[in-house]
Amino acid sequence: MHRTWLAVVITLATGATGCIGAPSPLAPGVRGSIGVPHRGSLTGGESLAYKGDGYELYRKYEVRWGNPRLVQALKHAAAHVSKTRPGGAPVLFGDLSHKHGGAASGHRSHRNGRDADIILYALTPDGRPVRAPGFVDYGPDGLAVHQGKFYRLDIERTWLFVKDLITSPTAGVQWLFLAAWLEALLVEHARARGETDDVVHRAESVLLQPGDSTPHADHLHLRIACTPDELVAGCAGGGPRWRWLSPMPQLPPQSDRELIASIIGDLLPPGALTNSTAADGGANTSSSAPGTATSPPSTQGTAPSNSAPVPDAEGTVE
């Protein structure tokens, strides 16, 4: 009988909240980056100014809102590069999300404030910093051609930007989508300048060429992970939970009756849970008969989150 009550709970919970893509009177705790990057919304977002310390927006329109952690991470990384290697052109930021999230033209993701496009730093062929011409593809040699002019990827400044993101204690980078041959150039540069094994490992972990979109040879696509508090408030998205991110909260095991009481206890008639237990003959799933061994708790579903499918840059999974 108690299993029947559990089914009732699931039915009621689903019917009450529906698709929790936005806050509602039935789901008042849903807020922030809601849902997944390719199907979600945003509340309480922060706008990125059109121009700031070490950066400018590539397009002057309103797809410039994001989770406050995302916006602050972009601003901090741009300022860090500008301070560490002064004299260069500002980095250009592409699209983030709309103020309230949802579909953004030209993107399948960018819908819940966790995604941002970063145009790569550029040099002239002889090594002088220059304003990036926009979204232009760099080859394995780090060179690009745009309107008859040659450009070279500014590996040093791009690495400084990436390093600031992946070592930030608050950004929580989940992915940096980038073409594999450009990742190789960045990692080679990092090793050559003596970066620690931990920093290089982080870079190699989060840098990824997406599976079913363009290779991303013309920009970095940053995606931040959900924090534990954001997960409780409706953020989702799968993917790995890197060991350097905030650990997920662990709840103590509960019986079915305790779960039901915590979810919809206030909606049930007085004594409903007690009566259901009595109808089952007073069964207590948390105890065993004298002299019998207690079964260990099930470990099903506790596999490391690294085993989750890898999403591509637009939020789908391979």
C-alpha atoms as a PDB file:
ATOM      1  CA  MET A   1       0.000   0.000   0.000  1.00  0.00           C
ATOM      2  CA  HIS A   2       2.785   2.432   0.827  1.00  0.00           C
ATOM      3  CA  ARG A   3       4.101   1.979  -2.718  1.00  0.00           C
ATOM      4  CA  THR A   4       0.690   3.118  -3.966  1.00  0.00           C
ATOM      5  CA  TRP A   5       1.015   6.278  -1.892  1.00  0.00           C
ATOM      6  CA  LEU A   6       4.423   6.894  -3.476  1.00  0.00           C
ATOM      7  CA  ALA A   7       2.854   6.706  -6.929  1.00  0.00           C
ATOM      8  CA  VAL A   8       0.198   9.174  -5.812  1.00  0.00           C
ATOM      9  CA  VAL A   9       2.923  11.565  -4.668  1.00  0.00           C
ATOM     10  CA  ILE A  10       4.672  11.437  -8.038  1.00  0.00           C
ATOM     11  CA  THR A  11       1.393  12.026  -9.878  1.00  0.00           C
ATOM     12  CA  LEU A  12       0.401  14.952  -7.699  1.00  0.00           C
ATOM     13  CA  ALA A  13       3.840  16.523  -7.827  1.00  0.00           C
ATOM     14  CA  THR A  14       3.952  16.310 -11.608  1.00  0.00           C
ATOM     15  CA  GLY A  15       0.465  17.670 -12.018  1.00  0.00           C
ATOM     16  CA  ALA A  16       1.036  20.471  -9.554  1.00  0.00           C
ATOM     17  CA  THR A  17       4.246  21.850 -11.007  1.00  0.00           C
ATOM     18  CA  GLY A  18       4.036  20.770 -14.649  1.00  0.00           C
ATOM     19  CA  CYS A  19       7.183  21.723 -16.504  1.00  0.00           C
ATOM     20  CA  ILE A  20       9.107  23.865 -14.062  1.00  0.00           C
ATOM     21  CA  GLY A  21      10.416  26.183 -16.748  1.00  0.00           C
ATOM     22  CA  ALA A  22       9.384  29.338 -14.935  1.00  0.00           C
ATOM     23  CA  PRO A  23       8.307  30.449 -11.457  1.00  0.00           C
ATOM     24  CA  SER A  24       4.628  30.117 -10.620  1.00  0.00           C
ATOM     25  CA  PRO A  25       2.436  30.143  -7.502  1.00  0.00           C
ATOM     26  CA  LEU A  26       2.755  26.345  -7.504  1.00  0.00           C
ATOM     27  CA  ALA A  27       6.561  26.469  -7.742  1.00  0.00           C
ATOM     28  CA  PRO A  28       7.542  29.676  -5.928  1.00  0.00           C
ATOM     29  CA  GLY A  29      11.088  28.485  -5.160  1.00  0.00           C
ATOM     30  CA  VAL A  30      12.064  28.233  -8.820  1.00  0.00           C
ATOM     31  CA  ARG A  31      14.410  31.091  -9.659  1.00  0.00           C
ATOM     32  CA  GLY A  32      17.709  32.058 -11.264  1.00  0.00           C
ATOM     33  CA  SER A  33      19.009  29.864 -14.099  1.00  0.00           C
ATOM     34  CA  ILE A  34      15.992  27.612 -14.559  1.00  0.00           C
ATOM     35  CA  GLY A  35      16.000  24.405 -16.561  1.00  0.00           C
ATOM     36  CA  VAL A  36      18.719  23.359 -18.994  1.00  0.00           C
ATOM     37  CA  PRO A  37      20.768  25.524 -21.381  1.00  0.00           C
ATOM     38  CA  HIS A  38      18.687  24.530 -24.419  1.00  0.00           C
ATOM     39  CA  ARG A  39      15.299  24.711 -22.697  1.00  0.00           C
ATOM     40  CA  GLY A  40      15.071  27.112 -19.817  1.00  0.00           C
ATOM     41  CA  SER A  41      14.500  30.618 -18.559  1.00  0.00           C
ATOM     42  CA  LEU A  42      16.199  33.200 -16.377  1.00  0.00           C
ATOM     43  CA  THR A  43      15.126  35.306 -13.420  1.00  0.00           C
ATOM     44  CA  GLY A  44      17.245  37.724 -11.414  1.00  0.00           C
ATOM     45  CA  GLY A  45      19.837  37.901 -14.168  1.00  0.00           C
ATOM     46  CA  GLU A  46      22.551  40.529 -14.447  1.00  0.00           C
ATOM     47  CA  SER A  47      23.240  42.563 -17.578  1.00  0.00           C
ATOM     48  CA  LEU A  48      26.707  42.920 -19.041  1.00  0.00           C
ATOM     49  CA  ALA A  49      27.538  46.546 -19.840  1.00  0.00           C
ATOM     50  CA  TYR A  50      28.306  47.300 -23.474  1.00  0.00           C
ATOM     51  CA  LYS A  51      31.851  48.224 -22.541  1.00  0.00           C
ATOM     52  CA  GLY A  52      34.046  47.588 -19.505  1.00  0.00           C
ATOM     53  CA  ASP A  53      37.568  47.011 -18.254  1.00  0.00           C
ATOM     54  CA  GLY A  54      39.277  45.029 -20.997  1.00  0.00           C
ATOM     55  CA  TYR A  55      36.161  44.102 -22.979  1.00  0.00           C
ATOM     56  CA  GLU A  56      33.448  45.292 -25.362  1.00  0.00           C
ATOM     57  CA  LEU A  57      30.275  43.682 -26.633  1.00  0.00           C
ATOM     58  CA  TYR A  58      30.513  42.588 -30.255  1.00  0.00           C
ATOM     59  CA  ARG A  59      26.827  43.277 -30.889  1.00  0.00           C
ATOM     60  CA  LYS A  60      24.969  46.171 -29.293  1.00  0.00           C
ATOM     61  CA  TYR A  61      21.661  44.519 -28.486  1.00  0.00           C
ATOM     62  CA  GLU A  62      19.930  42.938 -25.534  1.00  0.00           C
ATOM     63  CA  VAL A  63      21.208  39.338 -25.610  1.00  0.00           C
ATOM     64  CA  ARG A  64      23.595  40.353 -22.827  1.00  0.00           C
ATOM     65  CA  TRP A  65      21.993  38.971 -19.666  1.00  0.00           C
ATOM     66  CA  GLY A  66      23.206  36.061 -17.590  1.00  0.00           C
ATOM     67  CA  ASN A  67      23.509  34.376 -14.267  1.00  0.00           C
ATOM     68  CA  PRO A  68      25.366  36.878 -12.042  1.00  0.00           C
ATOM     69  CA  ARG A  69      28.231  34.375 -11.647  1.00  0.00           C
ATOM     70  CA  LEU A  70      28.615  34.208 -15.424  1.00  0.00           C
ATOM     71  CA  VAL A  71      28.668  37.981 -15.855  1.00  0.00           C
ATOM     72  CA  GLN A  72      31.141  38.498 -13.023  1.00  0.00           C
ATOM     73  CA  ALA A  73      33.413  35.732 -14.353  1.00  0.00           C
ATOM     74  CA  LEU A  74      33.550  37.363 -17.796  1.00  0.00           C
ATOM     75  CA  LYS A  75      34.297  40.803 -16.361  1.00  0.00           C
ATOM     76  CA  HIS A  76      36.971  39.469 -14.013  1.00  0.00           C
ATOM     77  CA  ALA A  77      38.759  37.470 -16.712  1.00  0.00           C
ATOM     78  CA  ALA A  78      38.760  40.392 -19.157  1.00  0.00           C
ATOM     79  CA  ALA A  79      40.126  42.774 -16.512  1.00  0.00           C
ATOM     80  CA  HIS A  80      42.755  40.216 -15.485  1.00  0.00           C
ATOM     81  CA  VAL A  81      44.061  39.884 -19.055  1.00  0.00           C
ATOM     82  CA  SER A  82      44.076  43.651 -19.528  1.00  0.00           C
ATOM     83  CA  LYS A  83      46.063  44.145 -16.328  1.00  0.00           C
ATOM     84  CA  THR A  84      48.481  41.242 -16.886  1.00  0.00           C
ATOM     85  CA  ARG A  85      49.175  42.002 -20.572  1.00  0.00           C
ATOM     86  CA  PRO A  86      48.400  45.718 -21.057  1.00  0.00           C
ATOM     87  CA  GLY A  87      48.433  47.311 -24.461  1.00  0.00           C
ATOM     88  CA  GLY A  88      46.197  44.798 -26.200  1.00  0.00           C
ATOM     89  CA  ALA A  89      42.797  45.259 -27.786  1.00  0.00           C
ATOM     90  CA  PRO A  90      39.734  44.507 -25.659  1.00  0.00           C
ATOM     91  CA  VAL A  91      38.231  41.050 -25.848  1.00  0.00           C
ATOM     92  CA  LEU A  92      34.899  40.944 -27.665  1.00  0.00           C
ATOM     93  CA  PHE A  93      31.960  39.177 -26.043  1.00  0.00           C
ATOM     94  CA  GLY A  94      29.222  37.714 -28.211  1.00  0.00           C
ATOM     95  CA  ASP A  95      25.782  36.603 -27.065  1.00  0.00           C
ATOM     96  CA  LEU A  96      24.735  35.669 -23.546  1.00  0.00           C
ATOM     97  CA  SER A  97      20.964  35.345 -22.960  1.00  0.00           C
ATOM     98  CA  HIS A  98      17.839  37.489 -23.098  1.00  0.00           C
ATOM     99  CA  LYS A  99      16.766  39.197 -19.879  1.00  0.00           C
ATOM    100  CA  HIS A 100      14.265  36.439 -19.115  1.00  0.00           C
ATOM    101  CA  GLY A 101      16.028  33.697 -21.049  1.00  0.00           C
ATOM    102  CA  GLY A 102      14.274  31.608 -23.639  1.00  0.00           C
ATOM    103  CA  ALA A 103      15.107  31.189 -27.315  1.00  0.00           C
ATOM    104  CA  ALA A 104      17.913  33.349 -28.719  1.00  0.00           C
ATOM    105  CA  SER A 105      18.329  33.781 -32.450  1.00  0.00           C
ATOM    106  CA  GLY A 106      21.132  31.655 -33.874  1.00  0.00           C
ATOM    107  CA  HIS A 107      21.415  29.423 -30.797  1.00  0.00           C
ATOM    108  CA  ARG A 108      19.871  26.245 -29.456  1.00  0.00           C
ATOM    109  CA  SER A 109      21.324  26.946 -26.031  1.00  0.00           C
ATOM    110  CA  HIS A 110      21.896  30.361 -24.338  1.00  0.00           C
ATOM    111  CA  ARG A 111      18.406  30.060 -22.820  1.00  0.00           C
ATOM    112  CA  ASN A 112      18.951  30.146 -19.053  1.00  0.00           C
ATOM    113  CA  GLY A 113      21.833  32.527 -18.442  1.00  0.00           C
ATOM    114  CA  ARG A 114      24.661  29.984 -18.220  1.00  0.00           C
ATOM    115  CA  ASP A 115      26.213  30.437 -21.690  1.00  0.00           C
ATOM    116  CA  ALA A 116      28.396  33.130 -23.248  1.00  0.00           C
ATOM    117  CA  ASP A 117      30.385  33.428 -26.481  1.00  0.00           C
ATOM    118  CA  ILE A 118      33.882  34.913 -26.351  1.00  0.00           C
ATOM    119  CA  ILE A 119      35.627  35.973 -29.551  1.00  0.00           C
ATOM    120  CA  LEU A 120      39.264  34.933 -29.507  1.00  0.00           C
ATOM    121  CA  TYR A 121      42.065  37.463 -28.963  1.00  0.00           C
ATOM    122  CA  ALA A 122      43.926  38.265 -32.178  1.00  0.00           C
ATOM    123  CA  LEU A 123      47.374  39.392 -33.344  1.00  0.00           C
ATOM    124  CA  THR A 124      48.792  40.567 -36.649  1.00  0.00           C
ATOM    125  CA  PRO A 125      51.028  37.986 -38.350  1.00  0.00           C
ATOM    126  CA  ASP A 126      54.108  39.746 -36.910  1.00  0.00           C
ATOM    127  CA  GLY A 127      52.729  39.565 -33.358  1.00  0.00           C
ATOM    128  CA  ARG A 128      51.124  42.956 -32.691  1.00  0.00           C
ATOM    129  CA  PRO A 129      47.837  42.881 -30.738  1.00  0.00           C
ATOM    130  CA  VAL A 130      44.855  43.966 -32.824  1.00  0.00           C
ATOM    131  CA  ARG A 131      41.111  44.124 -32.382  1.00  0.00           C
ATOM    132  CA  ALA A 132      39.593  40.781 -33.353  1.00  0.00           C
ATOM    133  CA  PRO A 133      37.766  40.982 -36.702  1.00  0.00           C
ATOM    134  CA  GLY A 134      34.871  38.905 -35.372  1.00  0.00           C
ATOM    135  CA  PHE A 135      33.954  35.266 -35.704  1.00  0.00           C
ATOM    136  CA  VAL A 136      36.727  33.999 -37.992  1.00  0.00           C
ATOM    137  CA  ASP A 137      38.031  30.435 -38.095  1.00  0.00           C
ATOM    138  CA  TYR A 138      41.607  29.751 -36.990  1.00  0.00           C
ATOM    139  CA  GLY A 139      43.407  26.741 -38.400  1.00  0.00           C
ATOM    140  CA  PRO A 140      45.779  24.299 -36.664  1.00  0.00           C
ATOM    141  CA  ASP A 141      48.627  26.761 -37.289  1.00  0.00           C
ATOM    142  CA  GLY A 142      46.734  29.461 -35.390  1.00  0.00           C
ATOM    143  CA  LEU A 143      46.204  31.595 -38.494  1.00  0.00           C
ATOM    144  CA  ALA A 144      43.003  33.026 -39.957  1.00  0.00           C
ATOM    145  CA  VAL A 145      42.111  35.048 -43.047  1.00  0.00           C
ATOM    146  CA  HIS A 146      39.357  37.664 -43.047  1.00  0.00           C
ATOM    147  CA  GLN A 147      38.599  40.022 -45.939  1.00  0.00           C
ATOM    148  CA  GLY A 148      42.047  39.469 -47.387  1.00  0.00           C
ATOM    149  CA  LYS A 149      43.905  40.117 -44.129  1.00  0.00           C
ATOM    150  CA  PHE A 150      45.791  37.551 -42.065  1.00  0.00           C
ATOM    151  CA  TYR A 151      45.359  37.221 -38.312  1.00  0.00           C
ATOM    152  CA  ARG A 152      47.127  35.098 -35.736  1.00  0.00           C
ATOM    153  CA  LEU A 153      45.519  33.696 -32.607  1.00  0.00           C
ATOM    154  CA  ASP A 154      46.799  35.507 -29.525  1.00  0.00           C
ATOM    155  CA  ILE A 155      47.512  32.320 -27.598  1.00  0.00           C
ATOM    156  CA  GLU A 156      49.029  34.090 -24.592  1.00  0.00           C
ATOM    157  CA  ARG A 157      46.045  36.343 -23.870  1.00  0.00           C
ATOM    158  CA  THR A 158      43.535  33.616 -24.681  1.00  0.00           C
ATOM    159  CA  TRP A 159      45.282  31.285 -22.220  1.00  0.00           C
ATOM    160  CA  LEU A 160      45.292  33.968 -19.506  1.00  0.00           C
ATOM    161  CA  PHE A 161      41.542  34.380 -20.014  1.00  0.00           C
ATOM    162  CA  VAL A 162      40.929  30.622 -19.852  1.00  0.00           C
ATOM    163  CA  LYS A 163      43.136  30.198 -16.789  1.00  0.00           C
ATOM    164  CA  ASP A 164      41.307  32.953 -14.908  1.00  0.00           C
ATOM    165  CA  LEU A 165      37.987  31.239 -15.590  1.00  0.00           C
ATOM    166  CA  ILE A 166      39.018  27.717 -14.605  1.00  0.00           C
ATOM    167  CA  THR A 167      40.801  28.799 -11.413  1.00  0.00           C
ATOM    168  CA  SER A 168      38.016  31.126 -10.261  1.00  0.00           C
ATOM    169  CA  PRO A 169      36.528  30.011  -6.925  1.00  0.00           C
ATOM    170  CA  THR A 170      33.065  31.257  -7.932  1.00  0.00           C
ATOM    171  CA  ALA A 171      32.681  30.917 -11.723  1.00  0.00           C
ATOM    172  CA  GLY A 172      32.114  27.150 -11.696  1.00  0.00           C
ATOM    173  CA  VAL A 173      33.078  26.437 -15.309  1.00  0.00           C
ATOM    174  CA  GLN A 174      31.446  23.305 -16.676  1.00  0.00           C
ATOM    175  CA  TRP A 175      32.574  23.552 -20.304  1.00  0.00           C
ATOM    176  CA  LEU A 176      34.675  25.725 -22.576  1.00  0.00           C
ATOM    177  CA  PHE A 177      33.726  24.603 -26.069  1.00  0.00           C
ATOM    178  CA  LEU A 178      36.585  25.066 -28.524  1.00  0.00           C
ATOM    179  CA  ALA A 179      38.009  23.315 -31.583  1.00  0.00           C
ATOM    180  CA  ALA A 180      40.373  20.485 -30.667  1.00  0.00           C
ATOM    181  CA  TRP A 181      43.325  21.940 -32.617  1.00  0.00           C
ATOM    182  CA  LEU A 182      43.028  25.265 -30.789  1.00  0.00           C
ATOM    183  CA  GLU A 183      42.778  23.467 -27.454  1.00  0.00           C
ATOM    184  CA  ALA A 184      46.064  21.737 -28.345  1.00  0.00           C
ATOM    185  CA  LEU A 185      47.737  25.117 -28.943  1.00  0.00           C
ATOM    186  CA  LEU A 186      46.504  26.462 -25.594  1.00  0.00           C
ATOM    187  CA  VAL A 187      47.546  23.384 -23.614  1.00  0.00           C
ATOM    188  CA  GLU A 188      50.962  23.335 -25.300  1.00  0.00           C
ATOM    189  CA  HIS A 189      51.417  26.989 -24.334  1.00  0.00           C
ATOM    190  CA  ALA A 190      50.329  26.296 -20.749  1.00  0.00           C
ATOM    191  CA  ARG A 191      52.833  23.481 -20.349  1.00  0.00           C
ATOM    192  CA  ALA A 192      55.610  25.539 -21.938  1.00  0.00           C
ATOM    193  CA  ARG A 193      55.093  28.350 -19.447  1.00  0.00           C
ATOM    194  CA  GLY A 194      55.227  25.932 -16.510  1.00  0.00           C
ATOM    195  CA  GLU A 195      51.620  25.823 -15.388  1.00  0.00           C
ATOM    196  CA  THR A 196      50.922  23.276 -12.654  1.00  0.00           C
ATOM    197  CA  ASP A 197      49.587  19.851 -13.482  1.00  0.00           C
ATOM    198  CA  ASP A 198      46.343  20.722 -11.691  1.00  0.00           C
ATOM    199  CA  VAL A 199      45.722  23.811 -13.834  1.00  0.00           C
ATOM    200  CA  VAL A 200      46.545  21.945 -17.050  1.00  0.00           C
ATOM    201  CA  HIS A 201      44.268  19.087 -15.981  1.00  0.00           C
ATOM    202  CA  ARG A 202      41.401  21.520 -15.409  1.00  0.00           C
ATOM    203  CA  ALA A 203      41.940  23.047 -18.836  1.00  0.00           C
ATOM    204  CA  GLU A 204      42.073  19.669 -20.576  1.00  0.00           C
ATOM    205  CA  SER A 205      38.916  18.623 -18.712  1.00  0.00           C
ATOM    206  CA  VAL A 206      36.671  21.577 -19.556  1.00  0.00           C
ATOM    207  CA  LEU A 207      37.970  22.410 -23.049  1.00  0.00           C
ATOM    208  CA  LEU A 208      35.944  20.346 -25.499  1.00  0.00           C
ATOM    209  CA  GLN A 209      35.141  20.372 -29.188  1.00  0.00           C
ATOM    210  CA  PRO A 210      31.343  20.056 -29.431  1.00  0.00           C
ATOM    211  CA  GLY A 211      29.844  16.961 -30.945  1.00  0.00           C
ATOM    212  CA  ASP A 212      27.102  18.093 -33.318  1.00  0.00           C
ATOM    213  CA  SER A 213      27.639  21.754 -34.079  1.00  0.00           C
ATOM    214  CA  THR A 214      30.475  23.771 -35.605  1.00  0.00           C
ATOM    215  CA  PRO A 215      33.925  22.928 -34.172  1.00  0.00           C
ATOM    216  CA  HIS A 216      34.147  26.370 -32.537  1.00  0.00           C
ATOM    217  CA  ALA A 217      37.371  27.448 -34.225  1.00  0.00           C
ATOM    218  CA  ASP A 218      36.191  31.061 -34.170  1.00  0.00           C
ATOM    219  CA  HIS A 219      35.241  31.560 -30.507  1.00  0.00           C
ATOM    220  CA  LEU A 220      35.105  30.126 -27.014  1.00  0.00           C
ATOM    221  CA  HIS A 221      31.706  29.069 -25.708  1.00  0.00           C
ATOM    222  CA  LEU A 222      31.631  29.273 -21.918  1.00  0.00           C
ATOM    223  CA  ARG A 223      29.067  27.341 -19.908  1.00  0.00           C
ATOM    224  CA  ILE A 224      28.944  27.470 -16.132  1.00  0.00           C
ATOM    225  CA  ALA A 225      27.669  24.631 -13.949  1.00  0.00           C
ATOM    226  CA  CYS A 226      24.775  24.862 -11.505  1.00  0.00           C
ATOM    227  CA  THR A 227      25.715  25.414  -7.872  1.00  0.00           C
ATOM    228  CA  PRO A 228      24.062  23.188  -5.237  1.00  0.00           C
ATOM    229  CA  ASP A 229      21.752  26.057  -4.243  1.00  0.00           C
ATOM    230  CA  GLU A 230      20.835  26.700  -7.872  1.00  0.00           C
ATOM    231  CA  LEU A 231      20.004  23.037  -8.397  1.00  0.00           C
ATOM    232  CA  VAL A 232      17.489  23.235  -5.567  1.00  0.00           C
ATOM    233  CA  ALA A 233      15.990  26.340  -7.217  1.00  0.00           C
ATOM    234  CA  GLY A 234      15.441  24.655 -10.608  1.00  0.00           C
ATOM    235  CA  CYS A 235      18.793  24.730 -12.424  1.00  0.00           C
ATOM    236  CA  ALA A 236      19.608  21.566 -14.384  1.00  0.00           C
ATOM    237  CA  GLY A 237      21.897  20.457 -17.149  1.00  0.00           C
ATOM    238  CA  GLY A 238      23.716  17.196 -16.543  1.00  0.00           C
ATOM    239  CA  GLY A 239      27.339  16.867 -17.514  1.00  0.00           C
ATOM    240  CA  PRO A 240      30.233  16.097 -15.213  1.00  0.00           C
ATOM    241  CA  ARG A 241      30.588  17.431 -11.705  1.00  0.00           C
ATOM    242  CA  TRP A 242      34.263  18.320 -11.641  1.00  0.00           C
ATOM    243  CA  ARG A 243      36.009  17.604  -8.350  1.00  0.00           C
ATOM    244  CA  TRP A 244      36.995  21.262  -7.896  1.00  0.00           C
ATOM    245  CA  LEU A 245      33.356  22.435  -7.999  1.00  0.00           C
ATOM    246  CA  SER A 246      31.198  22.731  -4.884  1.00  0.00           C
ATOM    247  CA  PRO A 247      30.093  19.235  -3.796  1.00  0.00           C
ATOM    248  CA  MET A 248      26.480  18.223  -4.165  1.00  0.00           C
ATOM    249  CA  PRO A 249      24.407  18.055  -0.949  1.00  0.00           C
ATOM    250  CA  GLN A 250      23.807  14.555   0.348  1.00  0.00           C
ATOM    251  CA  LEU A 251      20.466  13.729   1.951  1.00  0.00           C
ATOM    252  CA  PRO A 252      20.111  10.943   4.538  1.00  0.00           C
ATOM    253  CA  PRO A 253      18.072   7.940   3.353  1.00  0.00           C
ATOM    254  CA  GLN A 254      14.341   8.189   4.035  1.00  0.00           C
ATOM    255  CA  SER A 255      11.479   5.728   3.986  1.00  0.00           C
ATOM    256  CA  ASP A 256       8.669   6.115   1.470  1.00  0.00           C
ATOM    257  CA  ARG A 257       6.362   7.426   4.164  1.00  0.00           C
ATOM    258  CA  GLU A 258       8.872  10.095   5.202  1.00  0.00           C
ATOM    259  CA  LEU A 259       9.324  11.159   1.591  1.00  0.00           C
ATOM    260  CA  ILE A 260       5.567  11.429   1.090  1.00  0.00           C
ATOM    261  CA  ALA A 261       5.164  13.434   4.274  1.00  0.00           C
ATOM    262  CA  SER A 262       7.918  15.875   3.288  1.00  0.00           C
ATOM    263  CA  ILE A 263       6.464  16.437  -0.208  1.00  0.00           C
ATOM    264  CA  ILE A 264       2.678  16.568   0.213  1.00  0.00           C
ATOM    265  CA  GLY A 265       2.053  15.881   3.882  1.00  0.00           C
ATOM    266  CA  ASP A 266       0.068  19.112   4.226  1.00  0.00           C
ATOM    267  CA  LEU A 267      -2.269  18.079   1.372  1.00  0.00           C
ATOM    268  CA  LEU A 268      -3.279  14.692   2.792  1.00  0.00           C
ATOM    269  CA  PRO A 269      -6.219  14.087   5.160  1.00  0.00           C
ATOM    270  CA  PRO A 270      -5.274  13.822   8.861  1.00  0.00           C
ATOM    271  CA  GLY A 271      -3.973  10.353   9.679  1.00  0.00           C
ATOM    272  CA  ALA A 272      -3.752   9.259   6.024  1.00  0.00           C
ATOM    273  CA  LEU A 273      -0.154   8.156   6.270  1.00  0.00           C
ATOM    274  CA  THR A 274      -0.754   6.400   9.610  1.00  0.00           C
ATOM    275  CA  ASN A 275      -3.784   4.576   8.222  1.00  0.00           C
ATOM    276  CA  SER A 276      -1.866   3.465   5.122  1.00  0.00           C
ATOM    277  CA  THR A 277       0.815   1.952   7.311  1.00  0.00           C
ATOM    278  CA  ALA A 278      -1.753   0.128   9.414  1.00  0.00           C
ATOM    279  CA  ALA A 279      -3.409  -1.256   6.266  1.00  0.00           C
ATOM    280  CA  ASP A 280      -0.065  -2.747   5.307  1.00  0.00           C
ATOM    281  CA  GLY A 281      -0.025  -4.647   8.573  1.00  0.00           C
ATOM    282  CA  GLY A 282       2.267  -2.205  10.320  1.00  0.00           C
ATOM    283  CA  ALA A 283       5.207  -3.091   8.100  1.00  0.00           C
ATOM    284  CA  ASN A 284       8.351  -1.187   8.899  1.00  0.00           C
ATOM    285  CA  THR A 285      10.847  -1.210   6.073  1.00  0.00           C
ATOM    286  CA  SER A 286      13.604   0.176   8.284  1.00  0.00           C
ATOM    287  CA  SER A 287      13.792  -2.831  10.599  1.00  0.00           C
ATOM    288  CA  SER A 288      14.353  -6.569  10.187  1.00  0.00           C
ATOM    289  CA  ALA A 289      13.332  -9.646  12.111  1.00  0.00           C
ATOM    290  CA  PRO A 290      15.611 -10.748  14.997  1.00  0.00           C
ATOM    291  CA  GLY A 291      18.533 -12.815  13.856  1.00  0.00           C
ATOM    292  CA  THR A 292      18.381 -11.722  10.201  1.00  0.00           C
ATOM    293  CA  ALA A 293      20.883  -9.578   8.436  1.00  0.00           C
ATOM    294  CA  THR A 294      19.927  -6.097   7.356  1.00  0.00           C
ATOM    295  CA  SER A 295      20.419  -5.500   3.643  1.00  0.00           C
ATOM    296  CA  PRO A 296      22.909  -2.779   2.837  1.00  0.00           C
ATOM    297  CA  PRO A 297      21.504   0.379   1.282  1.00  0.00           C
ATOM    298  CA  SER A 298      21.249   0.325  -2.490  1.00  0.00           C
ATOM    299  CA  THR A 299      23.993   2.134  -4.381  1.00  0.00           C
ATOM    300  CA  GLN A 300      21.936   2.387  -7.538  1.00  0.00           C
ATOM    301  CA  GLY A 301      22.101   5.871  -9.028  1.00  0.00           C
ATOM    302  CA  THR A 302      25.199   6.937  -7.106  1.00  0.00           C
ATOM    303  CA  ALA A 303      27.677   6.583  -9.928  1.00  0.00           C
ATOM    304  CA  PRO A 304      29.957   9.599 -10.369  1.00  0.00           C
ATOM    305  CA  SER A 305      28.381  12.312 -12.432  1.00  0.00           C
ATOM    306  CA  ASN A 306      31.371  12.102 -14.798  1.00  0.00           C
ATOM    307  CA  SER A 307      29.575   9.146 -16.377  1.00  0.00           C
ATOM    308  CA  ALA A 308      26.813  11.416 -17.702  1.00  0.00           C
ATOM    309  CA  PRO A 309      26.596  11.942 -21.468  1.00  0.00           C
ATOM    310  CA  VAL A 310      28.691  14.814 -22.756  1.00  0.00           C
ATOM    311  CA  PRO A 311      26.599  17.728 -24.045  1.00  0.00           C
ATOM    312  CA  ASP A 312      27.535  19.677 -27.090  1.00  0.00           C
ATOM    313  CA  ALA A 313      27.773  23.455 -27.194  1.00  0.00           C
ATOM    314  CA  GLU A 314      24.066  23.831 -27.801  1.00  0.00           C
ATOM    315  CA  GLY A 315      22.945  21.717 -24.886  1.00  0.00           C
ATOM    316  CA  THR A 316      22.142  18.364 -26.489  1.00  0.00           C
ATOM    317  CA  VAL A 317      23.963  15.152 -25.581  1.00  0.00           C
ATOM    318  CA  GLU A 318      26.119  12.943 -27.680  1.00  0.00           C
END
